[in-house]
Every structure is written in C-alpha cells, then in structure tokens.
N, C-alpha and C. Protein backbone atom coordinates (compact mmCIF):
# COMPACT_ATOMS: atom_id res chain seq x y z
N UNK A 1 96.41 56.78 30.62
CA UNK A 1 96.70 56.19 32.27
C UNK A 1 96.00 54.98 32.42
N UNK A 2 95.60 54.21 31.13
CA UNK A 2 95.06 53.15 31.41
C UNK A 2 96.03 51.66 31.72
N UNK A 3 95.53 50.95 32.19
CA UNK A 3 97.07 49.67 32.07
C UNK A 3 96.75 48.99 30.77
N UNK A 4 98.39 48.58 30.02
CA UNK A 4 98.63 48.17 29.24
C UNK A 4 97.63 46.87 28.44
N UNK A 5 97.24 46.29 29.10
CA UNK A 5 95.79 45.20 28.70
C UNK A 5 94.95 46.02 28.33
N UNK A 6 94.16 46.75 29.07
CA UNK A 6 93.33 47.92 28.46
C UNK A 6 93.85 48.55 27.03
N UNK A 7 94.27 49.55 26.52
CA UNK A 7 95.57 49.92 25.57
C UNK A 7 95.46 49.06 24.41
N UNK A 8 96.37 47.75 24.58
CA UNK A 8 96.79 47.09 23.86
C UNK A 8 95.67 46.63 22.28
N UNK A 9 96.24 45.82 21.65
CA UNK A 9 95.69 45.68 19.87
C UNK A 9 94.07 45.47 20.29
N UNK A 10 93.42 46.20 19.40
CA UNK A 10 92.21 45.86 19.51
C UNK A 10 90.87 44.97 18.05
N UNK A 11 92.24 44.38 17.71
CA UNK A 11 91.68 43.20 16.71
C UNK A 11 90.93 42.36 17.30
N UNK A 12 89.97 41.89 16.56
CA UNK A 12 88.98 40.59 17.44
C UNK A 12 89.71 39.40 16.28
N UNK A 13 89.52 38.01 17.43
CA UNK A 13 89.97 37.35 16.82
C UNK A 13 89.03 35.72 17.14
N UNK A 14 87.78 36.48 16.95
CA UNK A 14 86.71 34.99 16.78
C UNK A 14 86.93 35.03 15.25
N UNK A 15 86.00 33.89 15.25
CA UNK A 15 85.46 33.48 14.10
C UNK A 15 83.77 33.92 14.09
N UNK A 16 83.35 33.91 15.05
CA UNK A 16 81.74 34.22 15.35
C UNK A 16 81.14 35.01 15.79
N UNK A 17 80.12 35.94 15.64
CA UNK A 17 79.64 36.95 16.26
C UNK A 17 79.62 37.38 17.30
N UNK A 18 79.04 35.95 18.00
CA UNK A 18 78.71 35.91 19.30
C UNK A 18 80.37 35.99 20.11
N UNK A 19 81.24 35.33 19.47
CA UNK A 19 82.32 35.32 20.14
C UNK A 19 83.02 36.54 20.17
N UNK A 20 82.49 37.59 18.89
CA UNK A 20 82.94 38.99 19.21
C UNK A 20 82.77 39.61 19.83
N UNK A 21 81.03 39.63 20.00
CA UNK A 21 80.42 40.65 20.65
C UNK A 21 80.85 40.22 22.06
N UNK A 22 81.55 38.78 22.49
CA UNK A 22 81.45 38.67 24.00
C UNK A 22 82.90 39.43 24.01
N UNK A 23 84.23 39.62 23.17
CA UNK A 23 84.99 39.36 23.15
C UNK A 23 84.98 41.33 23.23
N UNK A 24 84.18 42.30 22.32
CA UNK A 24 84.11 43.34 22.57
C UNK A 24 83.15 43.73 24.34
N UNK A 25 82.60 43.21 24.67
CA UNK A 25 81.62 43.70 25.96
C UNK A 25 82.76 43.34 26.80
N UNK A 26 83.26 42.45 26.92
CA UNK A 26 84.25 41.92 28.02
C UNK A 26 85.35 43.33 28.23
N UNK A 27 86.28 43.18 26.92
CA UNK A 27 86.90 44.87 26.94
C UNK A 27 86.02 46.21 27.64
N UNK A 28 85.23 46.30 26.46
CA UNK A 28 84.22 47.68 27.38
C UNK A 28 84.52 47.42 28.81
N UNK A 29 84.06 46.73 29.30
CA UNK A 29 83.88 46.46 30.81
C UNK A 29 85.01 46.64 31.32
N UNK A 30 86.11 46.17 30.98
CA UNK A 30 87.23 46.13 32.04
C UNK A 30 87.95 47.77 31.31
N UNK A 31 87.62 48.27 30.09
CA UNK A 31 87.72 49.83 30.63
C UNK A 31 87.03 50.57 31.40
N UNK A 32 85.88 50.57 31.15
CA UNK A 32 85.10 51.40 32.28
C UNK A 32 85.20 51.16 33.86
N UNK A 33 85.95 49.40 34.49
CA UNK A 33 86.56 49.67 35.22
C UNK A 33 87.53 50.12 36.09
N UNK A 34 88.41 49.86 35.30
CA UNK A 34 90.29 50.81 35.21
C UNK A 34 89.20 52.48 35.07
N UNK A 35 88.58 52.73 33.87
CA UNK A 35 88.17 54.19 33.93
C UNK A 35 87.91 54.85 35.69
N UNK A 36 87.26 53.52 36.40
CA UNK A 36 86.36 53.81 37.27
C UNK A 36 87.15 53.69 38.74
N UNK A 37 88.76 53.16 38.42
CA UNK A 37 89.58 53.10 39.52
C UNK A 37 89.17 51.36 39.89
N UNK A 38 88.52 50.66 39.71
CA UNK A 38 88.53 49.24 40.31
C UNK A 38 86.73 49.71 40.97
N UNK A 39 86.74 50.41 40.99
CA UNK A 39 85.37 51.08 42.00
C UNK A 39 84.01 50.08 41.38
N UNK A 40 83.35 49.25 41.84
CA UNK A 40 82.14 48.49 41.28
C UNK A 40 80.86 49.56 40.74
N UNK A 41 80.50 49.87 42.19
CA UNK A 41 80.15 51.08 42.21
C UNK A 41 79.90 52.18 41.05
N UNK A 42 80.52 52.63 40.80
CA UNK A 42 80.78 53.64 40.16
C UNK A 42 80.89 53.32 38.99
N UNK A 43 81.54 52.11 38.40
CA UNK A 43 81.49 51.33 37.40
C UNK A 43 80.04 51.21 37.04
N UNK A 44 79.40 50.70 37.55
CA UNK A 44 77.90 50.35 37.58
C UNK A 44 76.93 51.73 37.00
N UNK A 45 77.00 52.60 37.93
CA UNK A 45 76.48 54.10 37.73
C UNK A 45 77.33 54.39 36.19
N UNK A 46 78.55 54.66 35.93
CA UNK A 46 78.79 55.16 34.24
C UNK A 46 78.40 54.26 33.11
N UNK A 47 78.09 52.24 33.56
CA UNK A 47 77.72 51.95 32.53
C UNK A 47 75.86 51.95 32.69
N UNK A 48 75.03 52.62 33.18
CA UNK A 48 73.60 52.61 33.72
C UNK A 48 73.60 51.60 34.12
N UNK A 49 74.51 50.63 34.91
CA UNK A 49 73.68 49.52 35.64
C UNK A 49 73.49 49.36 37.24
N UNK A 50 72.82 48.44 37.76
CA UNK A 50 72.78 48.67 38.76
C UNK A 50 73.79 47.70 39.22
N UNK A 51 74.44 47.72 40.74
CA UNK A 51 75.61 47.50 41.10
C UNK A 51 75.05 45.70 41.33
N UNK A 52 74.15 44.81 41.02
CA UNK A 52 73.81 43.67 41.46
C UNK A 52 73.68 43.72 39.90
N UNK A 53 73.33 44.56 38.36
CA UNK A 53 73.21 44.12 37.25
C UNK A 53 74.67 43.78 36.87
N UNK A 54 75.32 44.77 37.57
CA UNK A 54 77.52 44.71 37.25
C UNK A 54 77.66 43.41 37.38
N UNK A 55 77.38 42.89 38.75
CA UNK A 55 78.10 41.58 38.93
C UNK A 55 77.60 40.63 38.28
N UNK A 56 76.78 40.69 37.88
CA UNK A 56 75.91 39.73 36.67
C UNK A 56 76.70 39.91 35.78
N UNK A 57 77.18 40.99 35.13
CA UNK A 57 77.73 41.01 34.02
C UNK A 57 79.33 40.49 34.10
N UNK A 58 80.08 41.09 34.91
CA UNK A 58 80.96 40.11 35.33
C UNK A 58 80.78 38.67 35.59
N UNK A 59 80.46 38.67 36.07
CA UNK A 59 80.32 36.65 36.69
C UNK A 59 79.89 36.61 35.15
N UNK A 60 79.34 36.49 34.15
CA UNK A 60 78.63 36.37 33.01
C UNK A 60 80.15 36.16 31.87
N UNK A 61 81.23 37.19 32.74
CA UNK A 61 82.35 37.82 31.41
C UNK A 61 83.24 36.86 31.85
N UNK A 62 82.94 36.22 33.03
CA UNK A 62 84.31 35.97 33.87
C UNK A 62 85.52 36.83 34.31
N UNK A 63 84.81 37.94 34.74
CA UNK A 63 85.68 38.97 35.18
C UNK A 63 85.33 39.03 37.01
N UNK A 64 84.23 38.77 37.20
CA UNK A 64 84.05 38.65 38.72
C UNK A 64 85.12 38.35 39.60
N UNK A 65 85.96 37.50 39.21
CA UNK A 65 87.01 36.80 40.96
C UNK A 65 88.30 38.22 40.26
N UNK A 66 88.28 38.59 38.79
CA UNK A 66 89.83 39.20 38.91
C UNK A 66 89.20 41.01 39.38
N UNK A 67 87.94 41.03 39.59
CA UNK A 67 87.43 42.49 40.51
C UNK A 67 87.25 42.22 41.77
N UNK A 68 87.22 41.32 42.37
CA UNK A 68 86.96 41.26 43.61
C UNK A 68 88.22 42.34 44.46
N UNK A 69 87.29 43.04 45.78
CA UNK A 69 88.33 43.53 47.10
C UNK A 69 88.04 42.98 47.71
C-alpha cells in the first residue's frame, strides 16, 4: 500500500559511505512518513524522536517542504 516512490528500487547509487547513508536515511524516513499517513507526530513517535527532532531530520534530508501540510 506504499507509493511507488517508496517501493521502487533499493539499489545504492552513491560512491561514498556518507552519500549511501544519506540515501538510506532519506528512504527510511520517507517510508516511516508513508506508514504514518503523513502524520509527523505519529512518524516521530514511531521513529523514537520528538516532533522537533523529526523536523530537524526532515530539514537536514531536504524533506521538510515535501511534507508540510
């Protein structure tokens, strides 16, 4: 029931560990958001973060604007 962007290829396209880790973390958070139906509060709880902590992660990953409601 997840969007195609989430269930698509899981191949890593990064040449450096830091880039691969960023790709993995971005995908992990995107999946958590999809599971929570876009609810940031629920996503934060599911990930063991505060809502403010999740907002910082979203900003760092460049996902903040995509999830604003």
